[in-house]
Amino acid sequence: MNSEGTQHIGSNFEDFLQKEGLLEETTAIATKRLLAWQIAKAMEEQQLTKTELARKMRTNRASLNRLLDGEDTSLTLSTLAKAATALGKKINIELVSAN
């Protein structure tokens, strides 16, 4: 094996992403995908269509589609709070130590 193939042995994936300058973006996308999945699952459990949820959120389907798009990380807390309320849920966000 060459030195390039062994340079990250013993390190963790977060260290690698940090070194490559990708940690923040990767974390944001993973978080958004999780939120989008949770919202879609709640919609399915409650048998809500996109149109119905958008109406309950007092928004349009285009905004809801952006919320459900796991790649679109431009999510506002206001939109997330509206979705949570419309689904009978609450949001819980906290900062934790990076270590």
C-alpha atoms as a PDB file:
ATOM      1  CA  MET A   1       0.000   0.000   0.000  1.00  0.00           C
ATOM      2  CA  ASN A   2       1.289   3.475  -0.793  1.00  0.00           C
ATOM      3  CA  SER A   3       1.463   6.339   1.689  1.00  0.00           C
ATOM      4  CA  GLU A   4      -1.703   7.949   0.285  1.00  0.00           C
ATOM      5  CA  GLY A   5      -3.727   4.864   1.138  1.00  0.00           C
ATOM      6  CA  THR A   6      -2.489   4.833   4.716  1.00  0.00           C
ATOM      7  CA  GLN A   7      -2.491   8.517   5.645  1.00  0.00           C
ATOM      8  CA  HIS A   8      -5.868   8.343   7.420  1.00  0.00           C
ATOM      9  CA  ILE A   9      -5.398   5.050   9.249  1.00  0.00           C
ATOM     10  CA  GLY A  10      -6.139   5.621  12.918  1.00  0.00           C
ATOM     11  CA  SER A  11      -8.144   8.808  12.331  1.00  0.00           C
ATOM     12  CA  ASN A  12     -11.905   9.047  12.362  1.00  0.00           C
ATOM     13  CA  PHE A  13     -14.203  10.139   9.574  1.00  0.00           C
ATOM     14  CA  GLU A  14     -14.980  13.508  11.185  1.00  0.00           C
ATOM     15  CA  ASP A  15     -11.255  14.284  11.348  1.00  0.00           C
ATOM     16  CA  PHE A  16     -10.963  13.467   7.649  1.00  0.00           C
ATOM     17  CA  LEU A  17     -13.941  15.659   6.728  1.00  0.00           C
ATOM     18  CA  GLN A  18     -12.562  18.514   8.851  1.00  0.00           C
ATOM     19  CA  LYS A  19      -9.153  18.255   7.190  1.00  0.00           C
ATOM     20  CA  GLU A  20     -10.783  18.294   3.750  1.00  0.00           C
ATOM     21  CA  GLY A  21     -12.945  21.307   4.688  1.00  0.00           C
ATOM     22  CA  LEU A  22     -16.152  19.306   4.279  1.00  0.00           C
ATOM     23  CA  LEU A  23     -17.339  18.764   7.857  1.00  0.00           C
ATOM     24  CA  GLU A  24     -19.782  21.673   8.117  1.00  0.00           C
ATOM     25  CA  GLU A  25     -21.383  21.036   4.723  1.00  0.00           C
ATOM     26  CA  THR A  26     -21.623  17.290   5.310  1.00  0.00           C
ATOM     27  CA  THR A  27     -23.140  17.794   8.757  1.00  0.00           C
ATOM     28  CA  ALA A  28     -25.690  20.275   7.379  1.00  0.00           C
ATOM     29  CA  ILE A  29     -26.757  17.904   4.599  1.00  0.00           C
ATOM     30  CA  ALA A  30     -26.998  14.921   6.970  1.00  0.00           C
ATOM     31  CA  THR A  31     -29.079  16.953   9.434  1.00  0.00           C
ATOM     32  CA  LYS A  32     -31.388  18.216   6.685  1.00  0.00           C
ATOM     33  CA  ARG A  33     -31.856  14.715   5.283  1.00  0.00           C
ATOM     34  CA  LEU A  34     -32.806  13.462   8.732  1.00  0.00           C
ATOM     35  CA  LEU A  35     -35.294  16.292   9.257  1.00  0.00           C
ATOM     36  CA  ALA A  36     -36.818  15.803   5.800  1.00  0.00           C
ATOM     37  CA  TRP A  37     -37.165  12.067   6.476  1.00  0.00           C
ATOM     38  CA  GLN A  38     -38.803  12.700   9.873  1.00  0.00           C
ATOM     39  CA  ILE A  39     -41.287  15.151   8.350  1.00  0.00           C
ATOM     40  CA  ALA A  40     -42.117  12.790   5.474  1.00  0.00           C
ATOM     41  CA  LYS A  41     -42.587   9.914   7.937  1.00  0.00           C
ATOM     42  CA  ALA A  42     -44.933  11.994  10.109  1.00  0.00           C
ATOM     43  CA  MET A  43     -46.886  13.004   6.999  1.00  0.00           C
ATOM     44  CA  GLU A  44     -47.228   9.352   6.019  1.00  0.00           C
ATOM     45  CA  GLU A  45     -48.293   8.303   9.521  1.00  0.00           C
ATOM     46  CA  GLN A  46     -50.923  11.060   9.574  1.00  0.00           C
ATOM     47  CA  GLN A  47     -51.891  10.400   5.941  1.00  0.00           C
ATOM     48  CA  LEU A  48     -51.253  14.042   5.026  1.00  0.00           C
ATOM     49  CA  THR A  49     -50.586  15.071   1.454  1.00  0.00           C
ATOM     50  CA  LYS A  50     -48.111  17.824   0.611  1.00  0.00           C
ATOM     51  CA  THR A  51     -51.012  20.106  -0.236  1.00  0.00           C
ATOM     52  CA  GLU A  52     -52.666  19.470   3.125  1.00  0.00           C
ATOM     53  CA  LEU A  53     -49.471  20.015   5.106  1.00  0.00           C
ATOM     54  CA  ALA A  54     -48.666  23.192   3.162  1.00  0.00           C
ATOM     55  CA  ARG A  55     -52.164  24.497   3.977  1.00  0.00           C
ATOM     56  CA  LYS A  56     -51.715  23.670   7.676  1.00  0.00           C
ATOM     57  CA  MET A  57     -48.342  25.451   7.615  1.00  0.00           C
ATOM     58  CA  ARG A  58     -49.900  28.450   5.822  1.00  0.00           C
ATOM     59  CA  THR A  59     -47.351  28.179   3.042  1.00  0.00           C
ATOM     60  CA  ASN A  60     -47.213  26.906  -0.532  1.00  0.00           C
ATOM     61  CA  ARG A  61     -46.179  23.541  -1.925  1.00  0.00           C
ATOM     62  CA  ALA A  62     -42.960  24.972  -3.346  1.00  0.00           C
ATOM     63  CA  SER A  63     -41.827  25.916   0.169  1.00  0.00           C
ATOM     64  CA  LEU A  64     -42.815  22.505   1.469  1.00  0.00           C
ATOM     65  CA  ASN A  65     -40.930  20.813  -1.366  1.00  0.00           C
ATOM     66  CA  ARG A  66     -37.786  22.734  -0.353  1.00  0.00           C
ATOM     67  CA  LEU A  67     -38.326  21.595   3.234  1.00  0.00           C
ATOM     68  CA  LEU A  68     -38.586  17.970   2.108  1.00  0.00           C
ATOM     69  CA  ASP A  69     -35.548  18.231  -0.200  1.00  0.00           C
ATOM     70  CA  GLY A  70     -32.678  16.570   1.675  1.00  0.00           C
ATOM     71  CA  GLU A  71     -30.094  18.397  -0.412  1.00  0.00           C
ATOM     72  CA  ASP A  72     -31.468  21.905   0.171  1.00  0.00           C
ATOM     73  CA  THR A  73     -29.905  23.082   3.431  1.00  0.00           C
ATOM     74  CA  SER A  74     -31.437  26.583   3.325  1.00  0.00           C
ATOM     75  CA  LEU A  75     -33.911  25.785   6.080  1.00  0.00           C
ATOM     76  CA  THR A  76     -35.180  28.476   8.430  1.00  0.00           C
ATOM     77  CA  LEU A  77     -36.155  27.767  12.011  1.00  0.00           C
ATOM     78  CA  SER A  78     -39.472  29.476  11.303  1.00  0.00           C
ATOM     79  CA  THR A  79     -40.299  26.999   8.517  1.00  0.00           C
ATOM     80  CA  LEU A  80     -39.214  24.067  10.650  1.00  0.00           C
ATOM     81  CA  ALA A  81     -41.342  25.315  13.563  1.00  0.00           C
ATOM     82  CA  LYS A  82     -44.375  25.698  11.274  1.00  0.00           C
ATOM     83  CA  ALA A  83     -43.939  22.140  10.004  1.00  0.00           C
ATOM     84  CA  ALA A  84     -43.529  20.765  13.514  1.00  0.00           C
ATOM     85  CA  THR A  85     -46.627  22.561  14.764  1.00  0.00           C
ATOM     86  CA  ALA A  86     -48.676  21.467  11.749  1.00  0.00           C
ATOM     87  CA  LEU A  87     -47.654  17.857  12.445  1.00  0.00           C
ATOM     88  CA  GLY A  88     -48.361  18.083  16.170  1.00  0.00           C
ATOM     89  CA  LYS A  89     -44.658  17.885  16.949  1.00  0.00           C
ATOM     90  CA  LYS A  90     -42.068  20.132  18.538  1.00  0.00           C
ATOM     91  CA  ILE A  91     -38.474  20.797  17.621  1.00  0.00           C
ATOM     92  CA  ASN A  92     -35.553  20.280  19.952  1.00  0.00           C
ATOM     93  CA  ILE A  93     -32.247  21.873  18.973  1.00  0.00           C
ATOM     94  CA  GLU A  94     -29.186  22.082  21.171  1.00  0.00           C
ATOM     95  CA  LEU A  95     -25.511  22.829  20.863  1.00  0.00           C
ATOM     96  CA  VAL A  96     -23.234  20.082  22.137  1.00  0.00           C
ATOM     97  CA  SER A  97     -19.512  19.869  22.589  1.00  0.00           C
ATOM     98  CA  ALA A  98     -17.593  19.025  19.427  1.00  0.00           C
ATOM     99  CA  ASN A  99     -15.292  16.762  21.425  1.00  0.00           C
END
